[in-house]
Amino acid sequence: MLHSSPKTIQKYLAIPEDQIPESKEIARERQHQLAIKQKEQEIKEAREMALAGYPIEQIASQMHRAHKTIQKLFKS
């Protein structure tokens, strides 16, 4: 709002309190949340493969990740 005109600011101030949304996600926040969900899914998939008896090398190969990356997933 620093670069808003006085007229725009007046419009915002005229909005009744009960009509102001609680929060509004910005695009970057949505991207971040999606990235977190994808990472959690990747960790879950790697752990399921490990429980099924797959060696780390095979998990890394199938997930197209480095061996060290898979090892780090198991530490988290």
C-alpha atoms as a PDB file:
ATOM      1  CA  MET A   1       0.000   0.000   0.000  1.00  0.00           C
ATOM      2  CA  LEU A   2       3.009   2.313   0.101  1.00  0.00           C
ATOM      3  CA  HIS A   3       2.574   3.094  -3.580  1.00  0.00           C
ATOM      4  CA  SER A   4      -1.227   3.326  -3.494  1.00  0.00           C
ATOM      5  CA  SER A   5      -3.078   6.474  -4.351  1.00  0.00           C
ATOM      6  CA  PRO A   6      -5.104   8.301  -1.675  1.00  0.00           C
ATOM      7  CA  LYS A   7      -8.298   7.206  -3.435  1.00  0.00           C
ATOM      8  CA  THR A   8      -7.275   3.522  -3.223  1.00  0.00           C
ATOM      9  CA  ILE A   9      -6.453   3.894   0.456  1.00  0.00           C
ATOM     10  CA  GLN A  10      -9.864   5.500   1.068  1.00  0.00           C
ATOM     11  CA  LYS A  11     -11.534   2.518  -0.623  1.00  0.00           C
ATOM     12  CA  TYR A  12      -9.645   0.096   1.613  1.00  0.00           C
ATOM     13  CA  LEU A  13     -10.552   2.066   4.716  1.00  0.00           C
ATOM     14  CA  ALA A  14     -14.226   2.066   3.684  1.00  0.00           C
ATOM     15  CA  ILE A  15     -14.415  -1.754   3.657  1.00  0.00           C
ATOM     16  CA  PRO A  16     -16.404  -2.976   6.688  1.00  0.00           C
ATOM     17  CA  GLU A  17     -14.342  -4.960   9.198  1.00  0.00           C
ATOM     18  CA  ASP A  18     -16.402  -8.146   8.771  1.00  0.00           C
ATOM     19  CA  GLN A  19     -15.773  -8.185   4.994  1.00  0.00           C
ATOM     20  CA  ILE A  20     -11.995  -8.133   5.248  1.00  0.00           C
ATOM     21  CA  PRO A  21     -10.643 -11.647   4.600  1.00  0.00           C
ATOM     22  CA  GLU A  22      -8.721 -13.335   7.425  1.00  0.00           C
ATOM     23  CA  SER A  23      -5.690 -14.011   5.286  1.00  0.00           C
ATOM     24  CA  LYS A  24      -4.843 -14.089   1.658  1.00  0.00           C
ATOM     25  CA  GLU A  25      -2.168 -16.466   0.440  1.00  0.00           C
ATOM     26  CA  ILE A  26       0.230 -14.969  -1.988  1.00  0.00           C
ATOM     27  CA  ALA A  27       1.526 -16.954  -4.941  1.00  0.00           C
ATOM     28  CA  ARG A  28       4.934 -17.512  -3.324  1.00  0.00           C
ATOM     29  CA  GLU A  29       3.314 -18.954  -0.190  1.00  0.00           C
ATOM     30  CA  ARG A  30       1.275 -21.381  -2.313  1.00  0.00           C
ATOM     31  CA  GLN A  31       4.451 -22.466  -4.114  1.00  0.00           C
ATOM     32  CA  HIS A  32       6.189 -23.001  -0.795  1.00  0.00           C
ATOM     33  CA  GLN A  33       3.334 -25.095   0.596  1.00  0.00           C
ATOM     34  CA  LEU A  34       3.274 -27.199  -2.578  1.00  0.00           C
ATOM     35  CA  ALA A  35       7.040 -27.767  -2.354  1.00  0.00           C
ATOM     36  CA  ILE A  36       6.693 -28.898   1.266  1.00  0.00           C
ATOM     37  CA  LYS A  37       3.933 -31.366   0.356  1.00  0.00           C
ATOM     38  CA  GLN A  38       5.992 -32.750  -2.519  1.00  0.00           C
ATOM     39  CA  LYS A  39       9.042 -33.196  -0.279  1.00  0.00           C
ATOM     40  CA  GLU A  40       6.940 -34.940   2.374  1.00  0.00           C
ATOM     41  CA  GLN A  41       5.555 -37.274  -0.308  1.00  0.00           C
ATOM     42  CA  GLU A  42       9.069 -38.012  -1.542  1.00  0.00           C
ATOM     43  CA  ILE A  43      10.231 -38.866   1.981  1.00  0.00           C
ATOM     44  CA  LYS A  44       7.206 -41.100   2.516  1.00  0.00           C
ATOM     45  CA  GLU A  45       7.822 -42.914  -0.772  1.00  0.00           C
ATOM     46  CA  ALA A  46      11.515 -43.462   0.018  1.00  0.00           C
ATOM     47  CA  ARG A  47      10.711 -44.815   3.483  1.00  0.00           C
ATOM     48  CA  GLU A  48       8.078 -47.172   2.092  1.00  0.00           C
ATOM     49  CA  MET A  49      10.601 -48.510  -0.406  1.00  0.00           C
ATOM     50  CA  ALA A  50      13.157 -48.993   2.380  1.00  0.00           C
ATOM     51  CA  LEU A  51      10.605 -50.867   4.493  1.00  0.00           C
ATOM     52  CA  ALA A  52       9.883 -53.069   1.475  1.00  0.00           C
ATOM     53  CA  GLY A  53      13.553 -54.057   1.486  1.00  0.00           C
ATOM     54  CA  TYR A  54      14.974 -51.972  -1.348  1.00  0.00           C
ATOM     55  CA  PRO A  55      18.635 -50.958  -0.896  1.00  0.00           C
ATOM     56  CA  ILE A  56      19.437 -47.245  -0.812  1.00  0.00           C
ATOM     57  CA  GLU A  57      21.199 -47.427  -4.189  1.00  0.00           C
ATOM     58  CA  GLN A  58      18.059 -48.786  -5.856  1.00  0.00           C
ATOM     59  CA  ILE A  59      15.811 -46.229  -4.135  1.00  0.00           C
ATOM     60  CA  ALA A  60      18.126 -43.431  -5.295  1.00  0.00           C
ATOM     61  CA  SER A  61      18.130 -44.775  -8.837  1.00  0.00           C
ATOM     62  CA  GLN A  62      14.349 -45.124  -9.049  1.00  0.00           C
ATOM     63  CA  MET A  63      13.724 -41.697  -7.530  1.00  0.00           C
ATOM     64  CA  HIS A  64      16.449 -40.053  -9.654  1.00  0.00           C
ATOM     65  CA  ARG A  65      18.258 -38.773  -6.579  1.00  0.00           C
ATOM     66  CA  ALA A  66      21.816 -39.057  -5.307  1.00  0.00           C
ATOM     67  CA  HIS A  67      22.692 -41.766  -2.787  1.00  0.00           C
ATOM     68  CA  LYS A  68      23.533 -39.089  -0.180  1.00  0.00           C
ATOM     69  CA  THR A  69      20.174 -37.378  -0.727  1.00  0.00           C
ATOM     70  CA  ILE A  70      18.317 -40.584   0.113  1.00  0.00           C
ATOM     71  CA  GLN A  71      20.479 -41.097   3.194  1.00  0.00           C
ATOM     72  CA  LYS A  72      19.612 -37.565   4.337  1.00  0.00           C
ATOM     73  CA  LEU A  73      15.894 -38.259   3.826  1.00  0.00           C
ATOM     74  CA  PHE A  74      16.120 -41.124   6.298  1.00  0.00           C
ATOM     75  CA  LYS A  75      17.811 -38.922   8.887  1.00  0.00           C
ATOM     76  CA  SER A  76      14.975 -36.373   8.835  1.00  0.00           C
END
